[in-house]
PDB file of N, CA and C in Angstrom:
ATOM      1  N   MET A   1     -42.250  24.157 -61.956  1.00  0.00           N
ATOM      2  CA  MET A   1     -42.047  24.646 -60.607  1.00  0.00           C
ATOM      3  C   MET A   1     -41.481  26.049 -60.696  1.00  0.00           C
ATOM      4  N   SER A   2     -41.913  26.920 -59.871  1.00  0.00           N
ATOM      5  CA  SER A   2     -41.433  28.295 -59.874  1.00  0.00           C
ATOM      6  C   SER A   2     -40.034  28.370 -59.266  1.00  0.00           C
ATOM      7  N   ALA A   3     -39.413  29.497 -59.385  1.00  0.00           N
ATOM      8  CA  ALA A   3     -38.077  29.708 -58.839  1.00  0.00           C
ATOM      9  C   ALA A   3     -38.134  30.122 -57.373  1.00  0.00           C
ATOM     10  N   ASP A   4     -39.238  29.896 -56.715  1.00  0.00           N
ATOM     11  CA  ASP A   4     -39.406  30.230 -55.304  1.00  0.00           C
ATOM     12  C   ASP A   4     -38.351  29.491 -54.474  1.00  0.00           C
ATOM     13  N   PRO A   5     -37.452  30.208 -53.766  1.00  0.00           N
ATOM     14  CA  PRO A   5     -36.391  29.535 -53.025  1.00  0.00           C
ATOM     15  C   PRO A   5     -36.902  28.631 -51.911  1.00  0.00           C
ATOM     16  N   SER A   6     -38.095  28.890 -51.400  1.00  0.00           N
ATOM     17  CA  SER A   6     -38.620  28.050 -50.332  1.00  0.00           C
ATOM     18  C   SER A   6     -39.097  26.695 -50.860  1.00  0.00           C
ATOM     19  N   ALA A   7     -39.184  26.554 -52.167  1.00  0.00           N
ATOM     20  CA  ALA A   7     -39.651  25.301 -52.757  1.00  0.00           C
ATOM     21  C   ALA A   7     -38.482  24.388 -53.117  1.00  0.00           C
ATOM     22  N   ARG A   8     -37.290  24.701 -52.637  1.00  0.00           N
ATOM     23  CA  ARG A   8     -36.116  23.902 -52.955  1.00  0.00           C
ATOM     24  C   ARG A   8     -35.274  23.724 -51.697  1.00  0.00           C
ATOM     25  N   LEU A   9     -34.750  22.519 -51.514  1.00  0.00           N
ATOM     26  CA  LEU A   9     -33.826  22.249 -50.417  1.00  0.00           C
ATOM     27  C   LEU A   9     -32.437  22.058 -51.007  1.00  0.00           C
ATOM     28  N   SER A  10     -31.455  22.706 -50.426  1.00  0.00           N
ATOM     29  CA  SER A  10     -30.078  22.531 -50.870  1.00  0.00           C
ATOM     30  C   SER A  10     -29.526  21.222 -50.296  1.00  0.00           C
ATOM     31  N   GLY A  11     -28.395  20.810 -50.804  1.00  0.00           N
ATOM     32  CA  GLY A  11     -27.737  19.620 -50.260  1.00  0.00           C
ATOM     33  C   GLY A  11     -27.424  19.790 -48.783  1.00  0.00           C
ATOM     34  N   GLU A  12     -26.995  20.989 -48.385  1.00  0.00           N
ATOM     35  CA  GLU A  12     -26.707  21.278 -46.971  1.00  0.00           C
ATOM     36  C   GLU A  12     -27.961  21.154 -46.109  1.00  0.00           C
ATOM     37  N   GLU A  13     -29.072  21.626 -46.630  1.00  0.00           N
ATOM     38  CA  GLU A  13     -30.326  21.537 -45.875  1.00  0.00           C
ATOM     39  C   GLU A  13     -30.771  20.083 -45.721  1.00  0.00           C
ATOM     40  N   ILE A  14     -30.534  19.279 -46.729  1.00  0.00           N
ATOM     41  CA  ILE A  14     -30.879  17.853 -46.643  1.00  0.00           C
ATOM     42  C   ILE A  14     -30.009  17.172 -45.594  1.00  0.00           C
ATOM     43  N   VAL A  15     -28.709  17.493 -45.569  1.00  0.00           N
ATOM     44  CA  VAL A  15     -27.814  16.942 -44.548  1.00  0.00           C
ATOM     45  C   VAL A  15     -28.292  17.354 -43.158  1.00  0.00           C
ATOM     46  N   ALA A  16     -28.699  18.613 -43.009  1.00  0.00           N
ATOM     47  CA  ALA A  16     -29.196  19.088 -41.716  1.00  0.00           C
ATOM     48  C   ALA A  16     -30.461  18.339 -41.300  1.00  0.00           C
ATOM     49  N   LEU A  17     -31.352  18.083 -42.246  1.00  0.00           N
ATOM     50  CA  LEU A  17     -32.576  17.329 -41.942  1.00  0.00           C
ATOM     51  C   LEU A  17     -32.245  15.905 -41.503  1.00  0.00           C
ATOM     52  N   LYS A  18     -31.303  15.266 -42.195  1.00  0.00           N
ATOM     53  CA  LYS A  18     -30.906  13.908 -41.816  1.00  0.00           C
ATOM     54  C   LYS A  18     -30.320  13.898 -40.406  1.00  0.00           C
ATOM     55  N   PHE A  19     -29.476  14.883 -40.102  1.00  0.00           N
ATOM     56  CA  PHE A  19     -28.880  14.982 -38.766  1.00  0.00           C
ATOM     57  C   PHE A  19     -29.967  15.110 -37.706  1.00  0.00           C
ATOM     58  N   ALA A  20     -30.892  16.037 -37.934  1.00  0.00           N
ATOM     59  CA  ALA A  20     -31.969  16.270 -36.963  1.00  0.00           C
ATOM     60  C   ALA A  20     -32.838  15.027 -36.805  1.00  0.00           C
ATOM     61  N   ALA A  21     -33.120  14.359 -37.901  1.00  0.00           N
ATOM     62  CA  ALA A  21     -33.950  13.151 -37.844  1.00  0.00           C
ATOM     63  C   ALA A  21     -33.252  12.054 -37.051  1.00  0.00           C
ATOM     64  N   HIS A  22     -31.971  11.846 -37.317  1.00  0.00           N
ATOM     65  CA  HIS A  22     -31.223  10.818 -36.582  1.00  0.00           C
ATOM     66  C   HIS A  22     -31.133  11.161 -35.091  1.00  0.00           C
ATOM     67  N   ARG A  23     -30.981  12.432 -34.799  1.00  0.00           N
ATOM     68  CA  ARG A  23     -30.915  12.865 -33.404  1.00  0.00           C
ATOM     69  C   ARG A  23     -32.232  12.566 -32.681  1.00  0.00           C
ATOM     70  N   GLN A  24     -33.361  12.885 -33.332  1.00  0.00           N
ATOM     71  CA  GLN A  24     -34.665  12.610 -32.711  1.00  0.00           C
ATOM     72  C   GLN A  24     -34.896  11.109 -32.578  1.00  0.00           C
ATOM     73  N   LEU A  25     -34.517  10.341 -33.590  1.00  0.00           N
ATOM     74  CA  LEU A  25     -34.678   8.884 -33.507  1.00  0.00           C
ATOM     75  C   LEU A  25     -33.847   8.320 -32.355  1.00  0.00           C
ATOM     76  N   SER A  26     -32.665   8.887 -32.126  1.00  0.00           N
ATOM     77  CA  SER A  26     -31.835   8.468 -30.992  1.00  0.00           C
ATOM     78  C   SER A  26     -32.523   8.769 -29.668  1.00  0.00           C
ATOM     79  N   ARG A  27     -33.127   9.944 -29.585  1.00  0.00           N
ATOM     80  CA  ARG A  27     -33.844  10.299 -28.352  1.00  0.00           C
ATOM     81  C   ARG A  27     -34.967   9.307 -28.081  1.00  0.00           C
ATOM     82  N   TRP A  28     -35.730   8.996 -29.125  1.00  0.00           N
ATOM     83  CA  TRP A  28     -36.834   8.064 -28.944  1.00  0.00           C
ATOM     84  C   TRP A  28     -36.336   6.655 -28.638  1.00  0.00           C
ATOM     85  N   ALA A  29     -35.181   6.288 -29.164  1.00  0.00           N
ATOM     86  CA  ALA A  29     -34.640   4.949 -28.916  1.00  0.00           C
ATOM     87  C   ALA A  29     -34.298   4.764 -27.440  1.00  0.00           C
ATOM     88  N   SER A  30     -33.946   5.852 -26.757  1.00  0.00           N
ATOM     89  CA  SER A  30     -33.555   5.743 -25.351  1.00  0.00           C
ATOM     90  C   SER A  30     -34.753   5.869 -24.395  1.00  0.00           C
ATOM     91  N   LYS A  31     -35.926   6.144 -24.943  1.00  0.00           N
ATOM     92  CA  LYS A  31     -37.128   6.235 -24.097  1.00  0.00           C
ATOM     93  C   LYS A  31     -37.711   4.838 -23.907  1.00  0.00           C
ATOM     94  N   PRO A  32     -38.052   4.486 -22.683  1.00  0.00           N
ATOM     95  CA  PRO A  32     -38.598   3.145 -22.448  1.00  0.00           C
ATOM     96  C   PRO A  32     -39.978   2.937 -23.078  1.00  0.00           C
ATOM     97  N   GLU A  33     -40.753   4.012 -23.167  1.00  0.00           N
ATOM     98  CA  GLU A  33     -42.105   3.872 -23.708  1.00  0.00           C
ATOM     99  C   GLU A  33     -42.475   5.120 -24.493  1.00  0.00           C
ATOM    100  N   LEU A  34     -43.109   4.911 -25.636  1.00  0.00           N
ATOM    101  CA  LEU A  34     -43.561   6.031 -26.472  1.00  0.00           C
ATOM    102  C   LEU A  34     -45.079   6.009 -26.567  1.00  0.00           C
ATOM    103  N   SER A  35     -45.655   7.196 -26.685  1.00  0.00           N
ATOM    104  CA  SER A  35     -47.099   7.281 -26.891  1.00  0.00           C
ATOM    105  C   SER A  35     -47.421   6.812 -28.317  1.00  0.00           C
ATOM    106  N   ALA A  36     -48.679   6.573 -28.574  1.00  0.00           N
ATOM    107  CA  ALA A  36     -49.090   6.148 -29.922  1.00  0.00           C
ATOM    108  C   ALA A  36     -48.712   7.220 -30.954  1.00  0.00           C
ATOM    109  N   HIS A  37     -48.882   8.472 -30.590  1.00  0.00           N
ATOM    110  CA  HIS A  37     -48.523   9.575 -31.490  1.00  0.00           C
ATOM    111  C   HIS A  37     -47.019   9.578 -31.769  1.00  0.00           C
ATOM    112  N   GLN A  38     -46.214   9.380 -30.742  1.00  0.00           N
ATOM    113  CA  GLN A  38     -44.762   9.343 -30.930  1.00  0.00           C
ATOM    114  C   GLN A  38     -44.337   8.148 -31.775  1.00  0.00           C
ATOM    115  N   ARG A  39     -44.993   7.002 -31.588  1.00  0.00           N
ATOM    116  CA  ARG A  39     -44.672   5.822 -32.417  1.00  0.00           C
ATOM    117  C   ARG A  39     -44.984   6.092 -33.883  1.00  0.00           C
ATOM    118  N   ALA A  40     -46.111   6.765 -34.144  1.00  0.00           N
ATOM    119  CA  ALA A  40     -46.481   7.107 -35.519  1.00  0.00           C
ATOM    120  C   ALA A  40     -45.481   8.100 -36.104  1.00  0.00           C
ATOM    121  N   GLN A  41     -45.083   9.079 -35.298  1.00  0.00           N
ATOM    122  CA  GLN A  41     -44.093  10.049 -35.771  1.00  0.00           C
ATOM    123  C   GLN A  41     -42.748   9.377 -36.036  1.00  0.00           C
ATOM    124  N   ARG A  42     -42.359   8.452 -35.166  1.00  0.00           N
ATOM    125  CA  ARG A  42     -41.093   7.730 -35.351  1.00  0.00           C
ATOM    126  C   ARG A  42     -41.114   6.942 -36.650  1.00  0.00           C
ATOM    127  N   ALA A  43     -42.211   6.265 -36.933  1.00  0.00           N
ATOM    128  CA  ALA A  43     -42.317   5.496 -38.174  1.00  0.00           C
ATOM    129  C   ALA A  43     -42.232   6.419 -39.398  1.00  0.00           C
ATOM    130  N   ALA A  44     -42.920   7.552 -39.334  1.00  0.00           N
ATOM    131  CA  ALA A  44     -42.878   8.509 -40.440  1.00  0.00           C
ATOM    132  C   ALA A  44     -41.472   9.078 -40.608  1.00  0.00           C
ATOM    133  N   LEU A  45     -40.799   9.356 -39.496  1.00  0.00           N
ATOM    134  CA  LEU A  45     -39.448   9.904 -39.558  1.00  0.00           C
ATOM    135  C   LEU A  45     -38.469   8.886 -40.136  1.00  0.00           C
ATOM    136  N   LYS A  46     -38.638   7.624 -39.796  1.00  0.00           N
ATOM    137  CA  LYS A  46     -37.786   6.577 -40.372  1.00  0.00           C
ATOM    138  C   LYS A  46     -37.966   6.505 -41.882  1.00  0.00           C
ATOM    139  N   ARG A  47     -39.220   6.606 -42.353  1.00  0.00           N
ATOM    140  CA  ARG A  47     -39.471   6.591 -43.803  1.00  0.00           C
ATOM    141  C   ARG A  47     -38.847   7.821 -44.465  1.00  0.00           C
ATOM    142  N   ALA A  48     -38.956   8.961 -43.808  1.00  0.00           N
ATOM    143  CA  ALA A  48     -38.385  10.196 -44.357  1.00  0.00           C
ATOM    144  C   ALA A  48     -36.864  10.081 -44.467  1.00  0.00           C
ATOM    145  N   VAL A  49     -36.232   9.512 -43.458  1.00  0.00           N
ATOM    146  CA  VAL A  49     -34.773   9.340 -43.497  1.00  0.00           C
ATOM    147  C   VAL A  49     -34.390   8.427 -44.650  1.00  0.00           C
ATOM    148  N   GLN A  50     -35.152   7.383 -44.880  1.00  0.00           N
ATOM    149  CA  GLN A  50     -34.862   6.492 -46.008  1.00  0.00           C
ATOM    150  C   GLN A  50     -34.892   7.259 -47.320  1.00  0.00           C
ATOM    151  N   VAL A  51     -35.852   8.139 -47.487  1.00  0.00           N
ATOM    152  CA  VAL A  51     -35.941   8.953 -48.703  1.00  0.00           C
ATOM    153  C   VAL A  51     -34.748   9.892 -48.795  1.00  0.00           C
ATOM    154  N   LEU A  52     -34.406  10.532 -47.674  1.00  0.00           N
ATOM    155  CA  LEU A  52     -33.303  11.494 -47.671  1.00  0.00           C
ATOM    156  C   LEU A  52     -31.947  10.839 -47.926  1.00  0.00           C
ATOM    157  N   GLN A  53     -31.836   9.530 -47.709  1.00  0.00           N
ATOM    158  CA  GLN A  53     -30.583   8.818 -47.945  1.00  0.00           C
ATOM    159  C   GLN A  53     -30.298   8.636 -49.439  1.00  0.00           C
ATOM    160  N   ASP A  54     -31.309   8.832 -50.282  1.00  0.00           N
ATOM    161  CA  ASP A  54     -31.145   8.646 -51.726  1.00  0.00           C
ATOM    162  C   ASP A  54     -30.044   9.567 -52.247  1.00  0.00           C
ATOM    163  N   LYS A  55     -29.038   8.988 -52.900  1.00  0.00           N
ATOM    164  CA  LYS A  55     -27.913   9.768 -53.420  1.00  0.00           C
ATOM    165  C   LYS A  55     -28.358  10.800 -54.457  1.00  0.00           C
ATOM    166  N   ALA A  56     -29.488  10.585 -55.073  1.00  0.00           N
ATOM    167  CA  ALA A  56     -29.992  11.539 -56.063  1.00  0.00           C
ATOM    168  C   ALA A  56     -30.323  12.880 -55.409  1.00  0.00           C
ATOM    169  N   LEU A  57     -30.471  12.900 -54.090  1.00  0.00           N
ATOM    170  CA  LEU A  57     -30.805  14.136 -53.382  1.00  0.00           C
ATOM    171  C   LEU A  57     -29.570  14.843 -52.826  1.00  0.00           C
ATOM    172  N   ALA A  58     -28.378  14.331 -53.097  1.00  0.00           N
ATOM    173  CA  ALA A  58     -27.152  14.868 -52.507  1.00  0.00           C
ATOM    174  C   ALA A  58     -26.930  16.344 -52.827  1.00  0.00           C
ATOM    175  N   HIS A  59     -27.407  16.803 -53.965  1.00  0.00           N
ATOM    176  CA  HIS A  59     -27.183  18.190 -54.363  1.00  0.00           C
ATOM    177  C   HIS A  59     -28.434  19.047 -54.203  1.00  0.00           C
ATOM    178  N   GLY A  60     -29.452  18.507 -53.564  1.00  0.00           N
ATOM    179  CA  GLY A  60     -30.673  19.258 -53.332  1.00  0.00           C
ATOM    180  C   GLY A  60     -31.854  18.646 -54.060  1.00  0.00           C
ATOM    181  N   CYS A  61     -33.020  19.218 -53.821  1.00  0.00           N
ATOM    182  CA  CYS A  61     -34.231  18.735 -54.469  1.00  0.00           C
ATOM    183  C   CYS A  61     -35.283  19.825 -54.458  1.00  0.00           C
ATOM    184  N   GLU A  62     -36.230  19.692 -55.346  1.00  0.00           N
ATOM    185  CA  GLU A  62     -37.376  20.601 -55.376  1.00  0.00           C
ATOM    186  C   GLU A  62     -38.501  19.978 -54.574  1.00  0.00           C
ATOM    187  N   LEU A  63     -39.288  20.817 -53.954  1.00  0.00           N
ATOM    188  CA  LEU A  63     -40.439  20.349 -53.198  1.00  0.00           C
ATOM    189  C   LEU A  63     -41.701  20.752 -53.939  1.00  0.00           C
ATOM    190  N   ARG A  64     -42.649  19.849 -53.995  1.00  0.00           N
ATOM    191  CA  ARG A  64     -43.938  20.192 -54.597  1.00  0.00           C
ATOM    192  C   ARG A  64     -45.021  19.393 -53.909  1.00  0.00           C
ATOM    193  N   ALA A  65     -46.171  19.991 -53.818  1.00  0.00           N
ATOM    194  CA  ALA A  65     -47.308  19.341 -53.179  1.00  0.00           C
ATOM    195  C   ALA A  65     -47.795  18.195 -54.043  1.00  0.00           C
ATOM    196  N   ARG A  66     -48.254  17.148 -53.392  1.00  0.00           N
ATOM    197  CA  ARG A  66     -48.826  16.032 -54.133  1.00  0.00           C
ATOM    198  C   ARG A  66     -50.190  16.437 -54.664  1.00  0.00           C
ATOM    199  N   GLY A  67     -50.501  15.938 -55.847  1.00  0.00           N
ATOM    200  CA  GLY A  67     -51.804  16.210 -56.434  1.00  0.00           C
ATOM    201  C   GLY A  67     -52.820  15.223 -55.945  1.00  0.00           C
ATOM    202  N   GLY A  68     -53.552  14.654 -56.877  1.00  0.00           N
ATOM    203  CA  GLY A  68     -54.587  13.666 -56.539  1.00  0.00           C
ATOM    204  C   GLY A  68     -53.986  12.339 -56.158  1.00  0.00           C
ATOM    205  N   GLU A  69     -54.812  11.337 -56.041  1.00  0.00           N
ATOM    206  CA  GLU A  69     -54.368  10.014 -55.618  1.00  0.00           C
ATOM    207  C   GLU A  69     -53.408   9.368 -56.583  1.00  0.00           C
ATOM    208  N   GLY A  70     -53.519   9.646 -57.875  1.00  0.00           N
ATOM    209  CA  GLY A  70     -52.651   9.028 -58.864  1.00  0.00           C
ATOM    210  C   GLY A  70     -51.268   9.630 -58.910  1.00  0.00           C
ATOM    211  N   ASP A  71     -51.013  10.709 -58.195  1.00  0.00           N
ATOM    212  CA  ASP A  71     -49.739  11.409 -58.242  1.00  0.00           C
ATOM    213  C   ASP A  71     -48.817  10.862 -57.144  1.00  0.00           C
ATOM    214  N   ARG A  72     -47.915   9.998 -57.489  1.00  0.00           N
ATOM    215  CA  ARG A  72     -46.971   9.414 -56.510  1.00  0.00           C
ATOM    216  C   ARG A  72     -45.576   9.507 -56.988  1.00  0.00           C
TER     217      ARG A  72
END
């Protein structure tokens, strides 16, 4: 991975993402009805929050694009 600063999230940035995600999930929780698109986004955001909760990410992480199907 290159030293490109945009390819890395700091621990502070991860905390900010978790905050924003929880805030949006709260907004959706108070809505009586969500569109199909919003339901899909909510499910994706819940999965993202689960990943961000990993203690291994507390000090930051590198971002990289996924390759082919075997790259998970």
